[in-house]
Amino acid sequence: MSDTPLDSSKRTWLIATGCAGAVGTAAVAVPFVSSFEPSERAKAAGAAVEADISSLKPGEKMTVEWRGKPVWIMRRTPEQLAELPKLDPQLADPQSKRDQQPAYCQNEVRSIKPEVFVAIGICTHLGCSPVDKFQTGAQPSLPDDWQGGYFCPCHGSTFDLAGRVFKNKPAPDNLEIPPHMYLSDSKLLIGEDKKA
């Protein structure tokens, strides 16, 4: 059977509509597929964060945000550090044997430099944010021999100044230590612990 002018025009229409359909499908698919990629904001939320600790005085704490979580940075005093080993009998995991910190923080003070403590400020019970209770001594909801630390008012979990949870509290684990490294004596990088 030979091609007639009618068959030729049908073929042209079929090719034209097929091409238009392919272009239309691509036009719809590209934005749809690209929507699966993380936004710039989402990429930034997972990025490492620099913290300048040069103005942080002994006994003070600052908070930075990393991946949408509060990260506490505290400069502990020599007196606060001296109290930490005395608390071991009262703690659920005093040697931090469970995996809540990088290997370089698996020590009694749970830090790279003893005086600088870095932790994610989220209770390991239900994700509340504990409050600072640095003042020592008897206080409401705290033991009479309180040596300072963090208190979660939601369910009563208490943590020492190394983020270690006390026994018989709802929180099952110590506070998590994020990956971090020192860029200099006064600059910390939270979220990364290897030089690129």
N, C-alpha and C. Protein backbone atom coordinates (compact mmCIF):
# COMPACT_ATOMS: atom_id res chain seq x y z
N MET A 1 0.84 -1.16 0.00
CA MET A 1 0.00 0.00 0.00
C MET A 1 0.90 1.23 0.00
N SER A 2 0.59 2.19 -0.84
CA SER A 2 1.43 3.38 -0.95
C SER A 2 0.88 4.49 -0.07
N ASP A 3 1.81 5.42 0.27
CA ASP A 3 1.40 6.56 1.09
C ASP A 3 0.54 7.51 0.27
N THR A 4 -0.53 7.95 0.85
CA THR A 4 -1.37 8.97 0.23
C THR A 4 -1.17 10.27 0.99
N PRO A 5 -1.58 11.41 0.43
CA PRO A 5 -1.41 12.67 1.15
C PRO A 5 -2.08 12.64 2.51
N LEU A 6 -3.18 11.95 2.67
CA LEU A 6 -3.86 11.86 3.95
C LEU A 6 -3.02 11.12 4.96
N ASP A 7 -2.42 10.01 4.55
CA ASP A 7 -1.57 9.24 5.46
C ASP A 7 -0.36 10.06 5.89
N SER A 8 0.18 10.83 4.99
CA SER A 8 1.34 11.66 5.27
C SER A 8 0.99 12.73 6.31
N SER A 9 -0.17 13.34 6.19
CA SER A 9 -0.55 14.38 7.15
C SER A 9 -0.85 13.76 8.52
N LYS A 10 -1.41 12.58 8.55
CA LYS A 10 -1.66 11.90 9.83
C LYS A 10 -0.33 11.61 10.52
N ARG A 11 0.62 11.16 9.72
CA ARG A 11 1.94 10.86 10.28
C ARG A 11 2.56 12.12 10.87
N THR A 12 2.47 13.23 10.15
CA THR A 12 3.03 14.50 10.62
C THR A 12 2.38 14.91 11.93
N TRP A 13 1.02 14.78 12.00
CA TRP A 13 0.31 15.11 13.24
C TRP A 13 0.73 14.19 14.39
N LEU A 14 0.89 12.94 14.12
CA LEU A 14 1.30 12.00 15.17
C LEU A 14 2.70 12.34 15.69
N ILE A 15 3.60 12.66 14.78
CA ILE A 15 4.97 13.03 15.19
C ILE A 15 4.94 14.34 15.97
N ALA A 16 4.18 15.31 15.48
CA ALA A 16 4.11 16.62 16.14
C ALA A 16 3.49 16.51 17.53
N THR A 17 2.40 15.77 17.64
CA THR A 17 1.77 15.63 18.97
C THR A 17 2.63 14.80 19.90
N GLY A 18 3.32 13.82 19.36
CA GLY A 18 4.25 13.02 20.20
C GLY A 18 5.37 13.88 20.74
N CYS A 19 5.95 14.75 19.87
CA CYS A 19 7.03 15.64 20.31
C CYS A 19 6.52 16.64 21.33
N ALA A 20 5.33 17.21 21.08
CA ALA A 20 4.76 18.18 22.02
C ALA A 20 4.49 17.50 23.36
N GLY A 21 4.01 16.28 23.31
CA GLY A 21 3.75 15.53 24.55
C GLY A 21 5.04 15.26 25.32
N ALA A 22 6.10 14.92 24.60
CA ALA A 22 7.39 14.66 25.25
C ALA A 22 7.93 15.93 25.88
N VAL A 23 7.83 17.07 25.16
CA VAL A 23 8.30 18.35 25.71
C VAL A 23 7.47 18.72 26.94
N GLY A 24 6.16 18.54 26.85
CA GLY A 24 5.27 18.85 27.98
C GLY A 24 5.58 17.98 29.19
N THR A 25 5.80 16.69 28.94
CA THR A 25 6.13 15.78 30.04
C THR A 25 7.45 16.18 30.69
N ALA A 26 8.44 16.53 29.89
CA ALA A 26 9.74 16.96 30.42
C ALA A 26 9.57 18.26 31.22
N ALA A 27 8.74 19.17 30.71
CA ALA A 27 8.52 20.45 31.39
C ALA A 27 7.89 20.23 32.77
N VAL A 28 7.02 19.27 32.87
CA VAL A 28 6.37 18.96 34.15
C VAL A 28 7.31 18.13 35.03
N ALA A 29 8.04 17.23 34.46
CA ALA A 29 8.87 16.31 35.23
C ALA A 29 10.09 16.98 35.87
N VAL A 30 10.72 17.93 35.16
CA VAL A 30 11.94 18.56 35.68
C VAL A 30 11.69 19.24 37.03
N PRO A 31 10.68 20.11 37.16
CA PRO A 31 10.46 20.71 38.49
C PRO A 31 10.07 19.67 39.54
N PHE A 32 9.29 18.68 39.12
CA PHE A 32 8.87 17.64 40.06
C PHE A 32 10.06 16.85 40.59
N VAL A 33 10.93 16.43 39.71
CA VAL A 33 12.12 15.66 40.11
C VAL A 33 13.07 16.53 40.92
N SER A 34 13.24 17.80 40.50
CA SER A 34 14.16 18.68 41.24
C SER A 34 13.63 19.00 42.63
N SER A 35 12.32 18.84 42.84
CA SER A 35 11.77 19.09 44.18
C SER A 35 12.23 18.03 45.18
N PHE A 36 12.74 16.91 44.71
CA PHE A 36 13.26 15.88 45.61
C PHE A 36 14.63 16.25 46.19
N GLU A 37 15.34 17.17 45.54
CA GLU A 37 16.64 17.59 46.05
C GLU A 37 16.43 18.50 47.26
N PRO A 38 17.33 18.42 48.25
CA PRO A 38 17.16 19.29 49.41
C PRO A 38 17.34 20.76 49.03
N SER A 39 16.58 21.60 49.70
CA SER A 39 16.69 23.04 49.45
C SER A 39 18.01 23.57 50.00
N GLU A 40 18.34 24.80 49.64
CA GLU A 40 19.57 25.42 50.17
C GLU A 40 19.48 25.53 51.68
N ARG A 41 18.29 25.81 52.18
CA ARG A 41 18.09 25.91 53.63
C ARG A 41 18.34 24.56 54.30
N ALA A 42 17.83 23.50 53.67
CA ALA A 42 18.02 22.16 54.23
C ALA A 42 19.49 21.76 54.19
N LYS A 43 20.17 22.12 53.09
CA LYS A 43 21.61 21.82 53.01
C LYS A 43 22.37 22.55 54.10
N ALA A 44 22.00 23.82 54.31
CA ALA A 44 22.67 24.62 55.34
C ALA A 44 22.38 24.08 56.73
N ALA A 45 21.17 23.54 56.93
CA ALA A 45 20.81 23.01 58.25
C ALA A 45 21.67 21.81 58.62
N GLY A 46 22.17 21.06 57.65
CA GLY A 46 23.00 19.91 57.95
C GLY A 46 24.48 20.23 57.94
N ALA A 47 24.82 21.45 57.54
CA ALA A 47 26.22 21.83 57.44
C ALA A 47 26.84 22.04 58.81
N ALA A 48 28.14 21.93 58.86
CA ALA A 48 28.86 22.19 60.10
C ALA A 48 28.73 23.67 60.45
N VAL A 49 28.81 23.97 61.75
CA VAL A 49 28.63 25.33 62.25
C VAL A 49 29.87 25.74 63.03
N GLU A 50 30.37 26.93 62.76
CA GLU A 50 31.51 27.46 63.51
C GLU A 50 31.01 28.21 64.74
N ALA A 51 31.73 28.08 65.84
CA ALA A 51 31.39 28.80 67.07
C ALA A 51 32.65 29.47 67.61
N ASP A 52 32.54 30.76 67.87
CA ASP A 52 33.64 31.52 68.46
C ASP A 52 33.47 31.49 69.97
N ILE A 53 34.40 30.84 70.66
CA ILE A 53 34.30 30.71 72.12
C ILE A 53 35.29 31.62 72.85
N SER A 54 35.86 32.58 72.13
CA SER A 54 36.88 33.45 72.73
C SER A 54 36.35 34.27 73.90
N SER A 55 35.08 34.66 73.88
CA SER A 55 34.53 35.48 74.95
C SER A 55 33.84 34.66 76.03
N LEU A 56 33.85 33.34 75.92
CA LEU A 56 33.19 32.47 76.89
C LEU A 56 34.03 32.38 78.16
N LYS A 57 33.49 32.90 79.25
CA LYS A 57 34.21 32.93 80.53
C LYS A 57 33.96 31.65 81.31
N PRO A 58 34.86 31.28 82.24
CA PRO A 58 34.63 30.09 83.08
C PRO A 58 33.27 30.18 83.79
N GLY A 59 32.52 29.09 83.71
CA GLY A 59 31.20 29.03 84.32
C GLY A 59 30.08 29.48 83.40
N GLU A 60 30.40 29.95 82.19
CA GLU A 60 29.38 30.41 81.25
C GLU A 60 29.11 29.37 80.17
N LYS A 61 27.90 29.48 79.61
CA LYS A 61 27.48 28.58 78.55
C LYS A 61 26.90 29.39 77.40
N MET A 62 27.15 28.95 76.18
CA MET A 62 26.52 29.55 75.01
C MET A 62 25.83 28.44 74.22
N THR A 63 24.89 28.82 73.37
CA THR A 63 24.15 27.85 72.57
C THR A 63 24.25 28.24 71.10
N VAL A 64 24.55 27.25 70.25
CA VAL A 64 24.52 27.44 68.80
C VAL A 64 23.55 26.41 68.23
N GLU A 65 23.07 26.64 67.04
CA GLU A 65 22.15 25.70 66.42
C GLU A 65 22.86 24.91 65.35
N TRP A 66 22.68 23.58 65.40
CA TRP A 66 23.24 22.69 64.39
C TRP A 66 22.19 21.65 64.05
N ARG A 67 21.84 21.54 62.78
CA ARG A 67 20.81 20.62 62.31
C ARG A 67 19.48 20.81 63.05
N GLY A 68 19.18 22.06 63.37
CA GLY A 68 17.94 22.37 64.06
C GLY A 68 17.94 22.01 65.53
N LYS A 69 19.09 21.65 66.08
CA LYS A 69 19.18 21.26 67.49
C LYS A 69 20.05 22.27 68.24
N PRO A 70 19.72 22.52 69.53
CA PRO A 70 20.58 23.38 70.33
C PRO A 70 21.85 22.63 70.74
N VAL A 71 22.99 23.24 70.51
CA VAL A 71 24.26 22.66 70.95
C VAL A 71 24.84 23.59 72.01
N TRP A 72 25.06 23.03 73.19
CA TRP A 72 25.60 23.80 74.31
C TRP A 72 27.12 23.74 74.28
N ILE A 73 27.72 24.88 74.56
CA ILE A 73 29.17 24.96 74.73
C ILE A 73 29.39 25.64 76.07
N MET A 74 30.00 24.94 77.02
CA MET A 74 30.21 25.49 78.35
C MET A 74 31.69 25.45 78.70
N ARG A 75 32.15 26.55 79.26
CA ARG A 75 33.52 26.58 79.78
C ARG A 75 33.43 26.30 81.28
N ARG A 76 33.85 25.10 81.67
CA ARG A 76 33.76 24.70 83.07
C ARG A 76 34.93 25.25 83.87
N THR A 77 34.66 25.53 85.12
CA THR A 77 35.69 26.04 86.03
C THR A 77 36.51 24.86 86.56
N PRO A 78 37.71 25.11 87.08
CA PRO A 78 38.49 24.03 87.69
C PRO A 78 37.73 23.35 88.84
N GLU A 79 36.96 24.13 89.59
CA GLU A 79 36.17 23.56 90.70
C GLU A 79 35.08 22.62 90.17
N GLN A 80 34.42 23.02 89.10
CA GLN A 80 33.38 22.17 88.50
C GLN A 80 33.99 20.87 87.99
N LEU A 81 35.15 20.95 87.37
CA LEU A 81 35.83 19.74 86.87
C LEU A 81 36.23 18.83 88.02
N ALA A 82 36.66 19.41 89.13
CA ALA A 82 37.09 18.61 90.28
C ALA A 82 35.94 17.83 90.90
N GLU A 83 34.71 18.32 90.76
CA GLU A 83 33.54 17.64 91.34
C GLU A 83 33.08 16.44 90.51
N LEU A 84 33.38 16.42 89.22
CA LEU A 84 32.84 15.38 88.33
C LEU A 84 33.16 13.96 88.79
N PRO A 85 34.41 13.61 89.14
CA PRO A 85 34.68 12.22 89.55
C PRO A 85 33.93 11.81 90.82
N LYS A 86 33.62 12.75 91.68
CA LYS A 86 32.92 12.45 92.94
C LYS A 86 31.48 12.00 92.70
N LEU A 87 30.93 12.33 91.54
CA LEU A 87 29.53 12.02 91.24
C LEU A 87 29.33 10.62 90.67
N ASP A 88 30.40 9.95 90.29
CA ASP A 88 30.30 8.65 89.60
C ASP A 88 29.31 7.67 90.25
N PRO A 89 29.32 7.49 91.59
CA PRO A 89 28.40 6.51 92.18
C PRO A 89 26.91 6.85 91.98
N GLN A 90 26.60 8.11 91.71
CA GLN A 90 25.21 8.54 91.56
C GLN A 90 24.71 8.50 90.11
N LEU A 91 25.60 8.16 89.18
CA LEU A 91 25.28 8.26 87.76
C LEU A 91 24.93 6.91 87.14
N ALA A 92 24.06 6.93 86.15
CA ALA A 92 23.64 5.71 85.46
C ALA A 92 24.74 5.14 84.57
N ASP A 93 25.50 5.98 83.93
CA ASP A 93 26.57 5.55 83.01
C ASP A 93 27.77 6.49 83.19
N PRO A 94 28.45 6.41 84.34
CA PRO A 94 29.50 7.38 84.64
C PRO A 94 30.68 7.36 83.67
N GLN A 95 31.00 6.22 83.11
CA GLN A 95 32.14 6.13 82.18
C GLN A 95 31.71 6.31 80.73
N SER A 96 30.45 6.62 80.52
CA SER A 96 29.91 6.86 79.16
C SER A 96 30.24 5.70 78.23
N LYS A 97 29.91 4.50 78.66
CA LYS A 97 30.21 3.31 77.84
C LYS A 97 29.20 3.13 76.71
N ARG A 98 28.00 3.68 76.89
CA ARG A 98 27.03 3.64 75.79
C ARG A 98 27.49 4.64 74.74
N ASP A 99 27.03 4.47 73.54
CA ASP A 99 27.56 5.24 72.41
C ASP A 99 26.82 6.56 72.21
N GLN A 100 27.09 7.56 73.07
CA GLN A 100 26.48 8.87 72.88
C GLN A 100 27.53 9.93 72.57
N GLN A 101 28.74 9.52 72.28
CA GLN A 101 29.78 10.50 72.01
C GLN A 101 30.84 9.90 71.10
N PRO A 102 31.54 10.77 70.39
CA PRO A 102 32.65 10.28 69.56
C PRO A 102 33.74 9.69 70.47
N ALA A 103 34.58 8.86 69.91
CA ALA A 103 35.63 8.18 70.67
C ALA A 103 36.54 9.16 71.40
N TYR A 104 36.80 10.32 70.78
CA TYR A 104 37.70 11.28 71.42
C TYR A 104 37.08 11.97 72.63
N CYS A 105 35.81 11.70 72.92
CA CYS A 105 35.16 12.25 74.12
C CYS A 105 34.76 11.15 75.10
N GLN A 106 35.27 9.96 74.91
CA GLN A 106 34.98 8.87 75.84
C GLN A 106 35.96 8.95 77.00
N ASN A 107 35.73 9.94 77.83
CA ASN A 107 36.54 10.14 79.02
C ASN A 107 35.62 10.71 80.10
N GLU A 108 36.12 10.87 81.29
CA GLU A 108 35.27 11.29 82.40
C GLU A 108 34.65 12.67 82.20
N VAL A 109 35.36 13.56 81.54
CA VAL A 109 34.83 14.91 81.33
C VAL A 109 34.05 15.02 80.02
N ARG A 110 34.09 13.97 79.20
CA ARG A 110 33.37 13.88 77.93
C ARG A 110 33.66 15.07 77.01
N SER A 111 34.94 15.37 76.86
CA SER A 111 35.31 16.49 76.00
C SER A 111 36.74 16.34 75.50
N ILE A 112 37.06 17.11 74.46
CA ILE A 112 38.41 17.12 73.92
C ILE A 112 39.33 17.88 74.87
N LYS A 113 38.92 19.10 75.21
CA LYS A 113 39.64 19.91 76.20
C LYS A 113 38.80 19.86 77.48
N PRO A 114 39.37 19.47 78.61
CA PRO A 114 38.56 19.29 79.82
C PRO A 114 37.65 20.46 80.16
N GLU A 115 38.14 21.68 80.00
CA GLU A 115 37.34 22.83 80.43
C GLU A 115 36.19 23.16 79.49
N VAL A 116 36.22 22.71 78.23
CA VAL A 116 35.17 23.06 77.27
C VAL A 116 34.29 21.84 77.00
N PHE A 117 33.02 21.96 77.40
CA PHE A 117 32.04 20.89 77.24
C PHE A 117 31.11 21.25 76.08
N VAL A 118 30.91 20.30 75.16
CA VAL A 118 30.04 20.49 74.00
C VAL A 118 29.03 19.35 74.00
N ALA A 119 27.74 19.68 73.98
CA ALA A 119 26.70 18.64 73.99
C ALA A 119 25.46 19.14 73.28
N ILE A 120 24.67 18.20 72.77
CA ILE A 120 23.36 18.55 72.21
C ILE A 120 22.41 18.70 73.39
N GLY A 121 21.79 19.87 73.48
CA GLY A 121 20.94 20.19 74.63
C GLY A 121 19.54 19.64 74.52
N ILE A 122 19.43 18.34 74.29
CA ILE A 122 18.12 17.68 74.19
C ILE A 122 18.13 16.46 75.11
N CYS A 123 17.16 16.39 75.99
CA CYS A 123 17.05 15.27 76.93
C CYS A 123 16.85 13.97 76.16
N THR A 124 17.51 12.94 76.61
CA THR A 124 17.45 11.64 75.92
C THR A 124 16.18 10.87 76.28
N HIS A 125 15.31 11.45 77.09
CA HIS A 125 14.06 10.79 77.43
C HIS A 125 13.02 11.02 76.33
N LEU A 126 12.49 12.24 76.25
CA LEU A 126 11.46 12.52 75.25
C LEU A 126 11.77 13.73 74.38
N GLY A 127 13.03 14.18 74.39
CA GLY A 127 13.42 15.26 73.50
C GLY A 127 13.15 16.66 74.00
N CYS A 128 12.91 16.81 75.30
CA CYS A 128 12.74 18.15 75.88
C CYS A 128 14.11 18.81 75.96
N SER A 129 14.13 20.10 76.30
CA SER A 129 15.41 20.79 76.45
C SER A 129 15.62 21.11 77.93
N PRO A 130 16.61 20.47 78.55
CA PRO A 130 16.88 20.76 79.97
C PRO A 130 17.31 22.21 80.18
N VAL A 131 17.19 22.66 81.42
CA VAL A 131 17.58 24.02 81.77
C VAL A 131 18.85 23.98 82.62
N ASP A 132 19.56 25.09 82.62
CA ASP A 132 20.79 25.21 83.40
C ASP A 132 20.45 25.28 84.89
N LYS A 133 21.15 24.51 85.66
CA LYS A 133 21.06 24.58 87.12
C LYS A 133 22.49 24.54 87.64
N PHE A 134 23.24 25.61 87.36
CA PHE A 134 24.67 25.65 87.71
C PHE A 134 24.90 25.95 89.18
N GLN A 135 23.94 26.59 89.83
CA GLN A 135 24.09 26.91 91.25
C GLN A 135 24.10 25.61 92.05
N THR A 136 25.02 25.51 93.00
CA THR A 136 25.12 24.31 93.83
C THR A 136 24.22 24.42 95.05
N GLY A 137 23.97 23.27 95.68
CA GLY A 137 23.18 23.24 96.91
C GLY A 137 21.73 22.91 96.66
N ALA A 138 20.98 22.86 97.76
CA ALA A 138 19.57 22.47 97.73
C ALA A 138 18.74 23.48 96.94
N GLN A 139 17.87 22.94 96.07
CA GLN A 139 16.95 23.74 95.26
C GLN A 139 15.72 22.90 94.99
N PRO A 140 14.59 23.53 94.66
CA PRO A 140 13.39 22.73 94.36
C PRO A 140 13.65 21.72 93.25
N SER A 141 13.17 20.51 93.42
CA SER A 141 13.28 19.39 92.47
C SER A 141 14.70 18.84 92.30
N LEU A 142 15.65 19.31 93.10
CA LEU A 142 17.03 18.83 93.00
C LEU A 142 17.49 18.32 94.36
N PRO A 143 18.47 17.42 94.38
CA PRO A 143 18.96 16.90 95.66
C PRO A 143 19.68 17.98 96.47
N ASP A 144 19.74 17.80 97.78
CA ASP A 144 20.37 18.78 98.67
C ASP A 144 21.86 18.95 98.38
N ASP A 145 22.50 17.90 97.88
CA ASP A 145 23.94 17.97 97.60
C ASP A 145 24.24 18.27 96.12
N TRP A 146 23.33 18.96 95.45
CA TRP A 146 23.46 19.26 94.03
C TRP A 146 24.75 20.03 93.76
N GLN A 147 25.53 19.55 92.78
CA GLN A 147 26.82 20.16 92.44
C GLN A 147 26.78 20.96 91.13
N GLY A 148 25.59 21.19 90.63
CA GLY A 148 25.45 21.93 89.38
C GLY A 148 25.30 20.99 88.20
N GLY A 149 24.55 21.43 87.22
CA GLY A 149 24.33 20.61 86.04
C GLY A 149 23.11 21.08 85.27
N TYR A 150 22.35 20.13 84.75
CA TYR A 150 21.20 20.43 83.90
C TYR A 150 20.00 19.65 84.43
N PHE A 151 18.83 20.30 84.38
CA PHE A 151 17.60 19.70 84.90
C PHE A 151 16.53 19.78 83.82
N CYS A 152 15.87 18.65 83.55
CA CYS A 152 14.79 18.62 82.58
C CYS A 152 13.47 18.74 83.36
N PRO A 153 12.83 19.91 83.32
CA PRO A 153 11.63 20.11 84.13
C PRO A 153 10.42 19.29 83.68
N CYS A 154 10.45 18.78 82.46
CA CYS A 154 9.30 18.02 81.95
C CYS A 154 9.06 16.74 82.76
N HIS A 155 10.12 15.96 83.00
CA HIS A 155 9.95 14.68 83.68
C HIS A 155 10.97 14.44 84.79
N GLY A 156 11.81 15.45 85.07
CA GLY A 156 12.69 15.37 86.23
C GLY A 156 14.06 14.74 86.03
N SER A 157 14.49 14.54 84.81
CA SER A 157 15.83 13.98 84.60
C SER A 157 16.88 15.03 84.96
N THR A 158 17.97 14.56 85.56
CA THR A 158 19.06 15.46 85.92
C THR A 158 20.36 14.94 85.31
N PHE A 159 21.21 15.89 84.91
CA PHE A 159 22.49 15.59 84.27
C PHE A 159 23.57 16.42 84.96
N ASP A 160 24.76 15.86 85.09
CA ASP A 160 25.86 16.63 85.67
C ASP A 160 26.47 17.55 84.62
N LEU A 161 27.55 18.23 84.97
CA LEU A 161 28.17 19.18 84.05
C LEU A 161 29.00 18.52 82.95
N ALA A 162 28.95 17.19 82.87
CA ALA A 162 29.52 16.46 81.73
C ALA A 162 28.38 15.81 80.93
N GLY A 163 27.13 16.20 81.26
CA GLY A 163 25.98 15.67 80.54
C GLY A 163 25.66 14.23 80.87
N ARG A 164 26.16 13.73 82.00
CA ARG A 164 25.90 12.34 82.39
C ARG A 164 24.63 12.28 83.24
N VAL A 165 23.74 11.36 82.91
CA VAL A 165 22.45 11.28 83.59
C VAL A 165 22.59 10.58 84.94
N PHE A 166 21.82 11.09 85.91
CA PHE A 166 21.81 10.47 87.23
C PHE A 166 20.95 9.21 87.21
N LYS A 167 21.20 8.32 88.16
CA LYS A 167 20.45 7.05 88.27
C LYS A 167 18.98 7.32 88.59
N ASN A 168 18.16 6.34 88.22
CA ASN A 168 16.73 6.35 88.54
C ASN A 168 16.00 7.58 88.02
N LYS A 169 16.37 8.00 86.85
CA LYS A 169 15.71 9.13 86.18
C LYS A 169 15.10 8.63 84.87
N PRO A 170 14.09 9.33 84.35
CA PRO A 170 13.47 8.86 83.10
C PRO A 170 14.42 8.80 81.91
N ALA A 171 15.38 9.74 81.82
CA ALA A 171 16.30 9.73 80.67
C ALA A 171 17.16 8.47 80.72
N PRO A 172 17.19 7.70 79.63
CA PRO A 172 17.95 6.44 79.64
C PRO A 172 19.44 6.62 79.42
N ASP A 173 19.83 7.72 78.79
CA ASP A 173 21.23 7.89 78.38
C ASP A 173 21.75 9.28 78.73
N ASN A 174 23.07 9.39 78.69
CA ASN A 174 23.72 10.69 78.84
C ASN A 174 23.37 11.57 77.65
N LEU A 175 23.59 12.88 77.81
CA LEU A 175 23.37 13.79 76.69
C LEU A 175 24.32 13.42 75.55
N GLU A 176 23.86 13.60 74.33
CA GLU A 176 24.67 13.25 73.15
C GLU A 176 25.74 14.32 72.90
N ILE A 177 26.93 13.86 72.55
CA ILE A 177 28.03 14.76 72.18
C ILE A 177 28.11 14.75 70.65
N PRO A 178 27.99 15.91 70.01
CA PRO A 178 28.05 15.93 68.55
C PRO A 178 29.49 15.83 68.07
N PRO A 179 29.71 15.43 66.82
CA PRO A 179 31.07 15.49 66.28
C PRO A 179 31.51 16.95 66.28
N HIS A 180 32.73 17.19 66.68
CA HIS A 180 33.25 18.56 66.67
C HIS A 180 34.77 18.53 66.68
N MET A 181 35.36 19.67 66.36
CA MET A 181 36.81 19.80 66.36
C MET A 181 37.18 21.26 66.57
N TYR A 182 38.41 21.48 66.99
CA TYR A 182 38.91 22.84 67.18
C TYR A 182 39.59 23.31 65.91
N LEU A 183 39.18 24.48 65.42
CA LEU A 183 39.86 25.11 64.30
C LEU A 183 41.02 25.95 64.81
N SER A 184 40.87 26.45 66.05
CA SER A 184 41.91 27.19 66.76
C SER A 184 41.55 27.13 68.24
N ASP A 185 42.31 27.80 69.09
CA ASP A 185 41.98 27.81 70.52
C ASP A 185 40.64 28.46 70.81
N SER A 186 40.20 29.34 69.93
CA SER A 186 38.96 30.08 70.18
C SER A 186 37.83 29.75 69.21
N LYS A 187 38.06 28.82 68.26
CA LYS A 187 37.01 28.48 67.29
C LYS A 187 36.76 26.98 67.26
N LEU A 188 35.48 26.64 67.39
CA LEU A 188 35.03 25.25 67.32
C LEU A 188 34.24 25.05 66.03
N LEU A 189 34.33 23.87 65.47
CA LEU A 189 33.50 23.48 64.33
C LEU A 189 32.61 22.35 64.80
N ILE A 190 31.31 22.61 64.86
CA ILE A 190 30.32 21.62 65.31
C ILE A 190 29.76 20.91 64.09
N GLY A 191 29.77 19.58 64.11
CA GLY A 191 29.18 18.81 63.02
C GLY A 191 30.21 18.15 62.13
N GLU A 192 31.48 18.39 62.41
CA GLU A 192 32.55 17.79 61.61
C GLU A 192 33.74 17.57 62.54
N ASP A 193 34.41 16.45 62.36
CA ASP A 193 35.57 16.19 63.22
C ASP A 193 36.79 15.71 62.46
N LYS A 194 36.78 15.93 61.16
CA LYS A 194 37.96 15.57 60.35
C LYS A 194 38.27 16.73 59.43
N LYS A 195 39.52 17.07 59.31
CA LYS A 195 39.90 18.13 58.39
C LYS A 195 39.82 17.61 56.96
N ALA A 196 39.20 18.40 56.11
CA ALA A 196 39.02 17.99 54.70
C ALA A 196 40.33 18.06 53.96
